[in-house]
Amino acid sequence: RLGFDSTGLEVRKSNFENCLYIKDRVALDNLHFVNDDAWNIGHYGVFDIIFCVGLYYHIDRVTDFMHMLARHTRRAILLDTHFAPEDDASPSVATYNLSPLVTHEGLPGRWFHEHELEADNPALDALKWASWENKTSFWPTKPALLTLLRQAGFDMVFESFNQFGPDLVGPMGADGYYTTHTRAVFLGFKTP
């Protein structure tokens, strides 16, 4: 509605059909959807801004994926993702049954179990909240994720708290969403 050309990638056929349903009803010629894996984003050009929302924590090769996103981003990335807590006693370790703290691709973090299906199994389409091909995903710690964003070329990195509304005391408290789910929104900018 603001005039931006937007392209959404969705790997699951059933979700892609939902995207087309919405597109059909909003009558926006500048809104496009592609039924493809996010790893293939390079086939669709370079974007001013990439919104990676609810996807990054389903990736196993997080360094490769972040660098790929950076190559196809001119200006900024908005990354809404879980991150691994550094403390084993963190509530999110139990909430998500995360592995002990390990190092993967040179980054500290924790493994998250996704599913047991093979990549060619049609049942993957029904797993709306799971990875596509990889059976486990890697959640870097927040410092590792911030470092990775900078190493990928986003020289200004910020964390946003707008998703929590005006009162941060509840979500940021010991029993709040931020602590129990270790999920945040990060903004990375490429400055001229």
N, C-alpha and C. Protein backbone atom coordinates (compact mmCIF):
# COMPACT_ATOMS: atom_id res chain seq x y z
N ARG A 1 0.81 -1.19 0.00
CA ARG A 1 0.00 0.00 0.00
C ARG A 1 0.86 1.26 0.00
N LEU A 2 2.11 1.17 0.46
CA LEU A 2 3.02 2.31 0.47
C LEU A 2 3.83 2.40 -0.82
N GLY A 3 3.60 1.46 -1.75
CA GLY A 3 4.27 1.51 -3.03
C GLY A 3 5.51 0.65 -3.16
N PHE A 4 5.86 -0.09 -2.13
CA PHE A 4 7.03 -0.97 -2.20
C PHE A 4 6.72 -2.20 -3.04
N ASP A 5 7.69 -2.64 -3.83
CA ASP A 5 7.59 -3.94 -4.47
C ASP A 5 8.01 -4.97 -3.44
N SER A 6 7.18 -5.97 -3.19
CA SER A 6 7.44 -6.97 -2.16
C SER A 6 7.35 -8.36 -2.74
N THR A 7 8.31 -9.20 -2.36
CA THR A 7 8.33 -10.59 -2.78
C THR A 7 8.44 -11.47 -1.54
N GLY A 8 7.53 -12.40 -1.41
CA GLY A 8 7.57 -13.34 -0.29
C GLY A 8 7.91 -14.73 -0.80
N LEU A 9 8.79 -15.42 -0.09
CA LEU A 9 9.13 -16.80 -0.42
C LEU A 9 8.49 -17.72 0.59
N GLU A 10 7.85 -18.77 0.12
CA GLU A 10 7.23 -19.76 0.98
C GLU A 10 7.47 -21.14 0.40
N VAL A 11 8.08 -22.02 1.18
CA VAL A 11 8.45 -23.34 0.67
C VAL A 11 7.29 -24.33 0.68
N ARG A 12 6.41 -24.23 1.66
CA ARG A 12 5.32 -25.20 1.77
C ARG A 12 4.18 -24.84 0.81
N LYS A 13 3.77 -25.81 0.02
CA LYS A 13 2.72 -25.59 -0.98
C LYS A 13 1.43 -25.08 -0.33
N SER A 14 1.04 -25.67 0.79
CA SER A 14 -0.20 -25.24 1.44
C SER A 14 -0.11 -23.80 1.95
N ASN A 15 1.04 -23.41 2.48
CA ASN A 15 1.22 -22.01 2.92
C ASN A 15 1.26 -21.07 1.72
N PHE A 16 1.89 -21.51 0.63
CA PHE A 16 1.95 -20.71 -0.58
C PHE A 16 0.54 -20.45 -1.11
N GLU A 17 -0.31 -21.46 -1.08
CA GLU A 17 -1.70 -21.28 -1.51
C GLU A 17 -2.41 -20.25 -0.63
N ASN A 18 -2.09 -20.24 0.68
CA ASN A 18 -2.65 -19.21 1.58
C ASN A 18 -2.16 -17.82 1.17
N CYS A 19 -0.89 -17.72 0.79
CA CYS A 19 -0.34 -16.44 0.33
C CYS A 19 -1.09 -15.94 -0.90
N LEU A 20 -1.33 -16.84 -1.85
CA LEU A 20 -2.05 -16.46 -3.06
C LEU A 20 -3.49 -16.05 -2.75
N TYR A 21 -4.09 -16.71 -1.78
CA TYR A 21 -5.45 -16.34 -1.35
C TYR A 21 -5.47 -14.89 -0.85
N ILE A 22 -4.48 -14.53 -0.03
CA ILE A 22 -4.40 -13.16 0.48
C ILE A 22 -4.14 -12.18 -0.67
N LYS A 23 -3.18 -12.52 -1.53
CA LYS A 23 -2.86 -11.64 -2.66
C LYS A 23 -4.09 -11.37 -3.52
N ASP A 24 -4.89 -12.38 -3.72
CA ASP A 24 -6.10 -12.25 -4.53
C ASP A 24 -7.09 -11.27 -3.91
N ARG A 25 -7.05 -11.12 -2.61
CA ARG A 25 -8.03 -10.28 -1.93
C ARG A 25 -7.55 -8.86 -1.63
N VAL A 26 -6.23 -8.62 -1.68
CA VAL A 26 -5.75 -7.27 -1.36
C VAL A 26 -5.52 -6.41 -2.59
N ALA A 27 -5.54 -6.99 -3.76
CA ALA A 27 -5.41 -6.25 -5.03
C ALA A 27 -4.19 -5.33 -5.04
N LEU A 28 -3.03 -5.89 -4.73
CA LEU A 28 -1.78 -5.14 -4.78
C LEU A 28 -0.90 -5.74 -5.87
N ASP A 29 -0.73 -5.02 -6.96
CA ASP A 29 0.08 -5.51 -8.07
C ASP A 29 1.56 -5.61 -7.72
N ASN A 30 1.99 -4.92 -6.68
CA ASN A 30 3.39 -4.93 -6.29
C ASN A 30 3.70 -5.97 -5.20
N LEU A 31 2.77 -6.86 -4.94
CA LEU A 31 2.96 -7.95 -3.98
C LEU A 31 3.08 -9.25 -4.74
N HIS A 32 4.19 -9.94 -4.54
CA HIS A 32 4.46 -11.18 -5.26
C HIS A 32 4.82 -12.28 -4.27
N PHE A 33 4.48 -13.50 -4.60
CA PHE A 33 4.86 -14.66 -3.79
C PHE A 33 5.48 -15.71 -4.69
N VAL A 34 6.45 -16.41 -4.16
CA VAL A 34 7.16 -17.45 -4.88
C VAL A 34 7.16 -18.71 -4.02
N ASN A 35 6.83 -19.83 -4.64
CA ASN A 35 6.86 -21.12 -3.93
C ASN A 35 8.26 -21.71 -4.10
N ASP A 36 9.14 -21.40 -3.13
CA ASP A 36 10.52 -21.84 -3.22
C ASP A 36 11.14 -21.85 -1.83
N ASP A 37 12.29 -22.48 -1.74
CA ASP A 37 13.06 -22.55 -0.51
C ASP A 37 13.79 -21.22 -0.30
N ALA A 38 13.86 -20.76 0.93
CA ALA A 38 14.54 -19.50 1.23
C ALA A 38 16.01 -19.52 0.85
N TRP A 39 16.60 -20.70 0.80
CA TRP A 39 18.00 -20.82 0.37
C TRP A 39 18.17 -20.37 -1.09
N ASN A 40 17.09 -20.26 -1.83
CA ASN A 40 17.15 -19.87 -3.25
C ASN A 40 16.81 -18.40 -3.46
N ILE A 41 16.89 -17.61 -2.43
CA ILE A 41 16.51 -16.19 -2.54
C ILE A 41 17.30 -15.47 -3.64
N GLY A 42 18.51 -15.91 -3.89
CA GLY A 42 19.34 -15.29 -4.92
C GLY A 42 18.75 -15.36 -6.31
N HIS A 43 17.83 -16.28 -6.54
CA HIS A 43 17.19 -16.38 -7.85
C HIS A 43 16.23 -15.22 -8.11
N TYR A 44 15.92 -14.44 -7.08
CA TYR A 44 14.88 -13.42 -7.20
C TYR A 44 15.42 -12.00 -7.07
N GLY A 45 16.74 -11.86 -7.08
CA GLY A 45 17.33 -10.53 -7.10
C GLY A 45 17.97 -10.13 -5.80
N VAL A 46 18.24 -8.83 -5.72
CA VAL A 46 18.78 -8.20 -4.52
C VAL A 46 17.70 -7.26 -4.02
N PHE A 47 17.52 -7.23 -2.71
CA PHE A 47 16.41 -6.49 -2.10
C PHE A 47 16.94 -5.35 -1.25
N ASP A 48 16.19 -4.27 -1.17
CA ASP A 48 16.56 -3.17 -0.28
C ASP A 48 16.52 -3.63 1.17
N ILE A 49 15.46 -4.34 1.52
CA ILE A 49 15.28 -4.82 2.89
C ILE A 49 14.82 -6.27 2.85
N ILE A 50 15.37 -7.07 3.72
CA ILE A 50 14.90 -8.44 3.87
C ILE A 50 14.28 -8.58 5.26
N PHE A 51 13.07 -9.10 5.29
CA PHE A 51 12.40 -9.45 6.53
C PHE A 51 12.53 -10.96 6.68
N CYS A 52 13.29 -11.38 7.65
CA CYS A 52 13.45 -12.80 7.94
C CYS A 52 12.77 -13.05 9.28
N VAL A 53 11.51 -13.40 9.21
CA VAL A 53 10.67 -13.49 10.41
C VAL A 53 10.22 -14.93 10.61
N GLY A 54 10.59 -15.50 11.76
CA GLY A 54 10.16 -16.85 12.09
C GLY A 54 10.79 -17.93 11.23
N LEU A 55 11.96 -17.66 10.67
CA LEU A 55 12.63 -18.62 9.80
C LEU A 55 14.03 -18.96 10.29
N TYR A 56 14.78 -17.96 10.70
CA TYR A 56 16.20 -18.16 11.00
C TYR A 56 16.44 -19.26 12.04
N TYR A 57 15.57 -19.38 13.01
CA TYR A 57 15.75 -20.41 14.04
C TYR A 57 15.38 -21.80 13.55
N HIS A 58 15.04 -21.93 12.27
CA HIS A 58 14.81 -23.24 11.66
C HIS A 58 15.96 -23.63 10.72
N ILE A 59 17.06 -22.91 10.81
CA ILE A 59 18.22 -23.12 9.92
C ILE A 59 19.31 -23.86 10.68
N ASP A 60 20.00 -24.77 10.01
CA ASP A 60 21.11 -25.48 10.66
C ASP A 60 22.46 -24.85 10.32
N ARG A 61 22.61 -24.31 9.12
CA ARG A 61 23.86 -23.67 8.70
C ARG A 61 23.66 -22.15 8.77
N VAL A 62 23.64 -21.65 10.00
CA VAL A 62 23.25 -20.26 10.24
C VAL A 62 24.25 -19.25 9.68
N THR A 63 25.53 -19.57 9.68
CA THR A 63 26.53 -18.65 9.15
C THR A 63 26.36 -18.51 7.64
N ASP A 64 26.26 -19.63 6.94
CA ASP A 64 26.05 -19.60 5.49
C ASP A 64 24.78 -18.84 5.14
N PHE A 65 23.72 -19.11 5.89
CA PHE A 65 22.44 -18.49 5.59
C PHE A 65 22.50 -16.97 5.80
N MET A 66 23.12 -16.54 6.91
CA MET A 66 23.22 -15.10 7.17
C MET A 66 24.04 -14.39 6.09
N HIS A 67 25.15 -14.99 5.68
CA HIS A 67 25.97 -14.38 4.64
C HIS A 67 25.22 -14.35 3.30
N MET A 68 24.43 -15.37 3.04
CA MET A 68 23.63 -15.38 1.81
C MET A 68 22.59 -14.25 1.85
N LEU A 69 21.91 -14.10 2.99
CA LEU A 69 20.94 -13.00 3.11
C LEU A 69 21.63 -11.66 2.91
N ALA A 70 22.80 -11.50 3.48
CA ALA A 70 23.52 -10.23 3.37
C ALA A 70 23.90 -9.93 1.92
N ARG A 71 24.27 -10.96 1.16
CA ARG A 71 24.63 -10.75 -0.25
C ARG A 71 23.44 -10.25 -1.07
N HIS A 72 22.24 -10.57 -0.62
CA HIS A 72 21.04 -10.21 -1.38
C HIS A 72 20.25 -9.08 -0.73
N THR A 73 20.94 -8.34 0.16
CA THR A 73 20.34 -7.20 0.84
C THR A 73 21.17 -5.96 0.57
N ARG A 74 20.54 -4.93 0.04
CA ARG A 74 21.26 -3.68 -0.21
C ARG A 74 21.42 -2.84 1.06
N ARG A 75 20.35 -2.77 1.87
CA ARG A 75 20.36 -1.79 2.95
C ARG A 75 20.15 -2.34 4.36
N ALA A 76 19.18 -3.25 4.52
CA ALA A 76 18.83 -3.61 5.90
C ALA A 76 18.20 -5.00 5.98
N ILE A 77 18.28 -5.55 7.18
CA ILE A 77 17.60 -6.81 7.48
C ILE A 77 16.83 -6.63 8.78
N LEU A 78 15.64 -7.17 8.81
CA LEU A 78 14.86 -7.28 10.04
C LEU A 78 14.79 -8.77 10.34
N LEU A 79 15.38 -9.16 11.45
CA LEU A 79 15.50 -10.56 11.82
C LEU A 79 14.74 -10.82 13.11
N ASP A 80 13.64 -11.55 13.02
CA ASP A 80 12.83 -11.92 14.18
C ASP A 80 13.12 -13.40 14.43
N THR A 81 13.82 -13.70 15.52
CA THR A 81 14.29 -15.06 15.72
C THR A 81 14.50 -15.40 17.19
N HIS A 82 14.51 -16.68 17.48
CA HIS A 82 14.96 -17.16 18.78
C HIS A 82 16.47 -17.12 18.81
N PHE A 83 17.04 -17.02 20.00
CA PHE A 83 18.48 -17.16 20.18
C PHE A 83 18.71 -18.09 21.37
N ALA A 84 19.87 -18.69 21.43
CA ALA A 84 20.17 -19.64 22.50
C ALA A 84 20.58 -18.89 23.77
N PRO A 85 20.02 -19.28 24.90
CA PRO A 85 20.48 -18.68 26.15
C PRO A 85 21.87 -19.23 26.49
N GLU A 86 22.68 -18.40 27.12
CA GLU A 86 24.01 -18.84 27.53
C GLU A 86 23.95 -19.66 28.81
N ASP A 87 22.96 -19.40 29.61
CA ASP A 87 22.82 -20.05 30.92
C ASP A 87 22.00 -21.34 30.78
N ASP A 88 22.55 -22.46 31.25
CA ASP A 88 21.82 -23.74 31.20
C ASP A 88 20.53 -23.71 32.01
N ALA A 89 20.46 -22.82 33.00
CA ALA A 89 19.26 -22.74 33.84
C ALA A 89 18.17 -21.86 33.24
N SER A 90 18.42 -21.29 32.07
CA SER A 90 17.43 -20.43 31.43
C SER A 90 16.15 -21.23 31.15
N PRO A 91 14.99 -20.64 31.42
CA PRO A 91 13.73 -21.36 31.16
C PRO A 91 13.57 -21.82 29.72
N SER A 92 14.13 -21.09 28.76
CA SER A 92 13.93 -21.49 27.36
C SER A 92 14.67 -22.77 27.00
N VAL A 93 15.69 -23.15 27.77
CA VAL A 93 16.37 -24.43 27.52
C VAL A 93 15.37 -25.57 27.70
N ALA A 94 14.60 -25.50 28.77
CA ALA A 94 13.58 -26.54 29.02
C ALA A 94 12.38 -26.36 28.10
N THR A 95 11.94 -25.11 27.89
CA THR A 95 10.78 -24.85 27.04
C THR A 95 10.94 -25.48 25.67
N TYR A 96 12.13 -25.37 25.09
CA TYR A 96 12.37 -25.86 23.73
C TYR A 96 13.23 -27.11 23.68
N ASN A 97 13.53 -27.67 24.85
CA ASN A 97 14.36 -28.88 24.91
C ASN A 97 15.66 -28.69 24.11
N LEU A 98 16.32 -27.58 24.36
CA LEU A 98 17.55 -27.24 23.65
C LEU A 98 18.71 -28.09 24.15
N SER A 99 19.68 -28.30 23.30
CA SER A 99 20.88 -29.06 23.65
C SER A 99 21.74 -28.28 24.64
N PRO A 100 22.73 -28.94 25.21
CA PRO A 100 23.72 -28.19 25.97
C PRO A 100 24.43 -27.18 25.05
N LEU A 101 25.06 -26.18 25.62
CA LEU A 101 25.79 -25.19 24.85
C LEU A 101 26.95 -25.86 24.12
N VAL A 102 27.02 -25.64 22.80
CA VAL A 102 28.07 -26.23 21.97
C VAL A 102 28.60 -25.14 21.03
N THR A 103 29.60 -25.50 20.25
CA THR A 103 30.11 -24.61 19.21
C THR A 103 29.83 -25.25 17.86
N HIS A 104 29.25 -24.47 16.95
CA HIS A 104 28.93 -24.93 15.59
C HIS A 104 29.28 -23.78 14.65
N GLU A 105 30.01 -24.05 13.61
CA GLU A 105 30.46 -23.03 12.67
C GLU A 105 31.21 -21.90 13.40
N GLY A 106 31.88 -22.25 14.48
CA GLY A 106 32.63 -21.26 15.26
C GLY A 106 31.78 -20.41 16.18
N LEU A 107 30.48 -20.72 16.27
CA LEU A 107 29.55 -19.92 17.08
C LEU A 107 29.07 -20.72 18.28
N PRO A 108 28.99 -20.09 19.46
CA PRO A 108 28.34 -20.77 20.58
C PRO A 108 26.83 -20.75 20.39
N GLY A 109 26.20 -21.84 20.78
CA GLY A 109 24.75 -21.91 20.65
C GLY A 109 24.22 -23.27 21.07
N ARG A 110 22.98 -23.54 20.71
CA ARG A 110 22.32 -24.79 21.11
C ARG A 110 21.54 -25.35 19.93
N TRP A 111 21.46 -26.66 19.88
CA TRP A 111 20.69 -27.35 18.85
C TRP A 111 19.24 -27.49 19.29
N PHE A 112 18.35 -27.40 18.31
CA PHE A 112 16.91 -27.59 18.51
C PHE A 112 16.45 -28.70 17.57
N HIS A 113 15.75 -29.68 18.10
CA HIS A 113 15.24 -30.79 17.28
C HIS A 113 13.99 -30.33 16.53
N GLU A 114 13.97 -30.56 15.22
CA GLU A 114 12.86 -30.13 14.37
C GLU A 114 11.88 -31.26 14.06
N HIS A 115 12.38 -32.33 13.45
CA HIS A 115 11.53 -33.44 13.02
C HIS A 115 12.42 -34.60 12.61
N GLU A 116 11.81 -35.73 12.25
CA GLU A 116 12.55 -36.92 11.82
C GLU A 116 12.32 -37.27 10.35
N LEU A 117 11.65 -36.41 9.60
CA LEU A 117 11.26 -36.73 8.23
C LEU A 117 12.40 -36.50 7.24
N GLU A 118 12.41 -37.30 6.19
CA GLU A 118 13.37 -37.10 5.11
C GLU A 118 12.90 -35.95 4.23
N ALA A 119 13.83 -35.33 3.53
CA ALA A 119 13.54 -34.12 2.73
C ALA A 119 12.47 -34.34 1.67
N ASP A 120 12.35 -35.56 1.16
CA ASP A 120 11.38 -35.81 0.09
C ASP A 120 10.03 -36.33 0.61
N ASN A 121 9.84 -36.32 1.92
CA ASN A 121 8.60 -36.82 2.50
C ASN A 121 7.48 -35.78 2.35
N PRO A 122 6.37 -36.14 1.69
CA PRO A 122 5.26 -35.18 1.50
C PRO A 122 4.65 -34.69 2.83
N ALA A 123 4.86 -35.42 3.91
CA ALA A 123 4.32 -35.01 5.21
C ALA A 123 4.97 -33.73 5.73
N LEU A 124 6.11 -33.33 5.16
CA LEU A 124 6.76 -32.08 5.57
C LEU A 124 5.85 -30.88 5.37
N ASP A 125 5.00 -30.95 4.35
CA ASP A 125 4.11 -29.82 4.08
C ASP A 125 3.18 -29.53 5.25
N ALA A 126 2.82 -30.56 6.00
CA ALA A 126 1.90 -30.38 7.13
C ALA A 126 2.59 -29.84 8.38
N LEU A 127 3.90 -29.88 8.43
CA LEU A 127 4.64 -29.37 9.60
C LEU A 127 4.85 -27.87 9.44
N LYS A 128 3.81 -27.10 9.70
CA LYS A 128 3.82 -25.66 9.45
C LYS A 128 4.85 -24.91 10.28
N TRP A 129 5.22 -25.42 11.43
CA TRP A 129 6.11 -24.71 12.35
C TRP A 129 7.43 -25.46 12.51
N ALA A 130 7.94 -26.02 11.42
CA ALA A 130 9.19 -26.77 11.48
C ALA A 130 10.07 -26.43 10.29
N SER A 131 11.32 -26.87 10.38
CA SER A 131 12.25 -26.67 9.27
C SER A 131 11.79 -27.44 8.06
N TRP A 132 12.43 -27.20 6.93
CA TRP A 132 12.05 -27.89 5.71
C TRP A 132 12.87 -29.15 5.53
N GLU A 133 14.16 -29.05 5.32
CA GLU A 133 14.97 -30.23 5.04
C GLU A 133 15.80 -30.69 6.24
N ASN A 134 16.35 -29.79 7.00
CA ASN A 134 17.20 -30.17 8.12
C ASN A 134 16.36 -30.65 9.31
N LYS A 135 16.85 -31.69 9.97
CA LYS A 135 16.13 -32.28 11.10
C LYS A 135 16.42 -31.58 12.42
N THR A 136 17.49 -30.81 12.46
CA THR A 136 17.81 -30.01 13.64
C THR A 136 18.18 -28.61 13.15
N SER A 137 18.02 -27.65 14.02
CA SER A 137 18.42 -26.29 13.69
C SER A 137 19.33 -25.78 14.80
N PHE A 138 20.11 -24.76 14.47
CA PHE A 138 21.08 -24.24 15.43
C PHE A 138 20.71 -22.82 15.81
N TRP A 139 20.61 -22.59 17.12
CA TRP A 139 20.31 -21.26 17.65
C TRP A 139 21.58 -20.68 18.24
N PRO A 140 22.19 -19.68 17.59
CA PRO A 140 23.36 -19.04 18.20
C PRO A 140 22.95 -18.26 19.44
N THR A 141 23.90 -18.02 20.33
CA THR A 141 23.64 -17.13 21.46
C THR A 141 23.43 -15.72 20.92
N LYS A 142 22.85 -14.85 21.73
CA LYS A 142 22.62 -13.48 21.26
C LYS A 142 23.93 -12.78 20.90
N PRO A 143 24.99 -12.83 21.73
CA PRO A 143 26.24 -12.18 21.30
C PRO A 143 26.78 -12.76 20.00
N ALA A 144 26.67 -14.08 19.81
CA ALA A 144 27.15 -14.69 18.57
C ALA A 144 26.32 -14.23 17.38
N LEU A 145 25.02 -14.11 17.56
CA LEU A 145 24.14 -13.66 16.48
C LEU A 145 24.43 -12.21 16.10
N LEU A 146 24.64 -11.36 17.09
CA LEU A 146 24.96 -9.96 16.82
C LEU A 146 26.30 -9.85 16.09
N THR A 147 27.26 -10.64 16.51
CA THR A 147 28.57 -10.66 15.86
C THR A 147 28.44 -11.14 14.42
N LEU A 148 27.64 -12.18 14.22
CA LEU A 148 27.44 -12.73 12.88
C LEU A 148 26.80 -11.70 11.95
N LEU A 149 25.82 -10.95 12.44
CA LEU A 149 25.21 -9.89 11.63
C LEU A 149 26.26 -8.88 11.19
N ARG A 150 27.14 -8.50 12.10
CA ARG A 150 28.19 -7.54 11.76
C ARG A 150 29.18 -8.14 10.77
N GLN A 151 29.58 -9.38 11.00
CA GLN A 151 30.52 -10.03 10.09
C GLN A 151 29.94 -10.18 8.69
N ALA A 152 28.63 -10.31 8.60
CA ALA A 152 27.97 -10.47 7.29
C ALA A 152 27.85 -9.16 6.53
N GLY A 153 28.19 -8.04 7.19
CA GLY A 153 28.18 -6.76 6.49
C GLY A 153 27.18 -5.74 7.00
N PHE A 154 26.44 -6.08 8.04
CA PHE A 154 25.51 -5.12 8.64
C PHE A 154 26.29 -4.40 9.74
N ASP A 155 26.83 -3.23 9.40
CA ASP A 155 27.75 -2.58 10.33
C ASP A 155 27.05 -1.85 11.47
N MET A 156 25.77 -1.65 11.38
CA MET A 156 24.99 -1.11 12.50
C MET A 156 23.93 -2.15 12.85
N VAL A 157 23.94 -2.62 14.10
CA VAL A 157 23.02 -3.67 14.53
C VAL A 157 22.32 -3.20 15.80
N PHE A 158 21.01 -3.35 15.81
CA PHE A 158 20.20 -2.92 16.94
C PHE A 158 19.22 -4.03 17.33
N GLU A 159 18.75 -3.97 18.55
CA GLU A 159 17.67 -4.85 18.97
C GLU A 159 16.44 -4.00 19.21
N SER A 160 15.30 -4.44 18.69
CA SER A 160 14.05 -3.72 18.85
C SER A 160 13.21 -4.36 19.95
N PHE A 161 12.53 -3.54 20.71
CA PHE A 161 11.63 -4.03 21.75
C PHE A 161 10.20 -3.58 21.49
N ASN A 162 9.93 -3.02 20.31
CA ASN A 162 8.60 -2.52 19.98
C ASN A 162 7.54 -3.59 20.02
N GLN A 163 7.92 -4.84 19.74
CA GLN A 163 6.93 -5.92 19.73
C GLN A 163 6.29 -6.15 21.09
N PHE A 164 6.91 -5.62 22.15
CA PHE A 164 6.37 -5.83 23.50
C PHE A 164 5.44 -4.71 23.95
N GLY A 165 5.30 -3.68 23.15
CA GLY A 165 4.43 -2.58 23.53
C GLY A 165 5.13 -1.63 24.49
N PRO A 166 4.36 -0.76 25.13
CA PRO A 166 4.97 0.28 25.96
C PRO A 166 5.53 -0.22 27.29
N ASP A 167 5.06 -1.36 27.80
CA ASP A 167 5.51 -1.85 29.10
C ASP A 167 6.49 -3.01 28.90
N LEU A 168 7.77 -2.76 29.16
CA LEU A 168 8.78 -3.80 28.99
C LEU A 168 9.02 -4.62 30.26
N VAL A 169 8.46 -4.18 31.40
CA VAL A 169 8.72 -4.86 32.66
C VAL A 169 8.22 -6.31 32.62
N GLY A 170 7.00 -6.52 32.15
CA GLY A 170 6.45 -7.88 32.11
C GLY A 170 7.21 -8.81 31.19
N PRO A 171 7.34 -8.48 29.90
CA PRO A 171 8.03 -9.37 28.97
C PRO A 171 9.51 -9.58 29.31
N MET A 172 10.15 -8.58 29.91
CA MET A 172 11.58 -8.68 30.18
C MET A 172 11.87 -9.28 31.55
N GLY A 173 10.84 -9.52 32.36
CA GLY A 173 11.04 -10.06 33.70
C GLY A 173 11.45 -11.53 33.69
N ALA A 174 11.68 -12.06 34.88
CA ALA A 174 12.16 -13.44 35.03
C ALA A 174 11.21 -14.46 34.42
N ASP A 175 9.91 -14.20 34.46
CA ASP A 175 8.92 -15.12 33.89
C ASP A 175 8.31 -14.58 32.60
N GLY A 176 8.86 -13.51 32.06
CA GLY A 176 8.31 -12.88 30.88
C GLY A 176 8.72 -13.59 29.60
N TYR A 177 8.02 -13.26 28.54
CA TYR A 177 8.21 -13.91 27.24
C TYR A 177 9.66 -13.85 26.76
N TYR A 178 10.28 -12.68 26.89
CA TYR A 178 11.65 -12.51 26.41
C TYR A 178 12.60 -13.51 27.09
N THR A 179 12.41 -13.73 28.37
CA THR A 179 13.27 -14.63 29.14
C THR A 179 12.91 -16.09 28.90
N THR A 180 11.64 -16.41 28.86
CA THR A 180 11.23 -17.81 28.74
C THR A 180 11.31 -18.32 27.31
N HIS A 181 11.32 -17.41 26.32
CA HIS A 181 11.35 -17.84 24.93
C HIS A 181 12.60 -17.40 24.17
N THR A 182 13.41 -16.55 24.78
CA THR A 182 14.62 -16.00 24.16
C THR A 182 14.40 -15.74 22.65
N ARG A 183 13.44 -14.89 22.40
CA ARG A 183 13.13 -14.49 21.02
C ARG A 183 13.18 -12.97 20.95
N ALA A 184 13.78 -12.46 19.87
CA ALA A 184 13.95 -11.02 19.76
C ALA A 184 13.90 -10.60 18.29
N VAL A 185 13.84 -9.29 18.11
CA VAL A 185 13.88 -8.69 16.78
C VAL A 185 15.15 -7.87 16.68
N PHE A 186 15.98 -8.20 15.68
CA PHE A 186 17.23 -7.50 15.45
C PHE A 186 17.16 -6.77 14.12
N LEU A 187 17.75 -5.59 14.07
CA LEU A 187 17.79 -4.78 12.86
C LEU A 187 19.26 -4.59 12.49
N GLY A 188 19.60 -4.95 11.26
CA GLY A 188 20.95 -4.75 10.77
C GLY A 188 20.91 -3.81 9.58
N PHE A 189 21.81 -2.82 9.59
CA PHE A 189 21.87 -1.83 8.52
C PHE A 189 23.25 -1.81 7.88
N LYS A 190 23.26 -1.65 6.56
CA LYS A 190 24.51 -1.42 5.83
C LYS A 190 24.61 0.08 5.59
N THR A 191 25.60 0.70 6.19
CA THR A 191 25.74 2.14 6.01
C THR A 191 26.61 2.43 4.80
N PRO A 192 26.37 3.60 4.16
CA PRO A 192 27.16 3.95 2.97
C PRO A 192 28.63 4.16 3.30
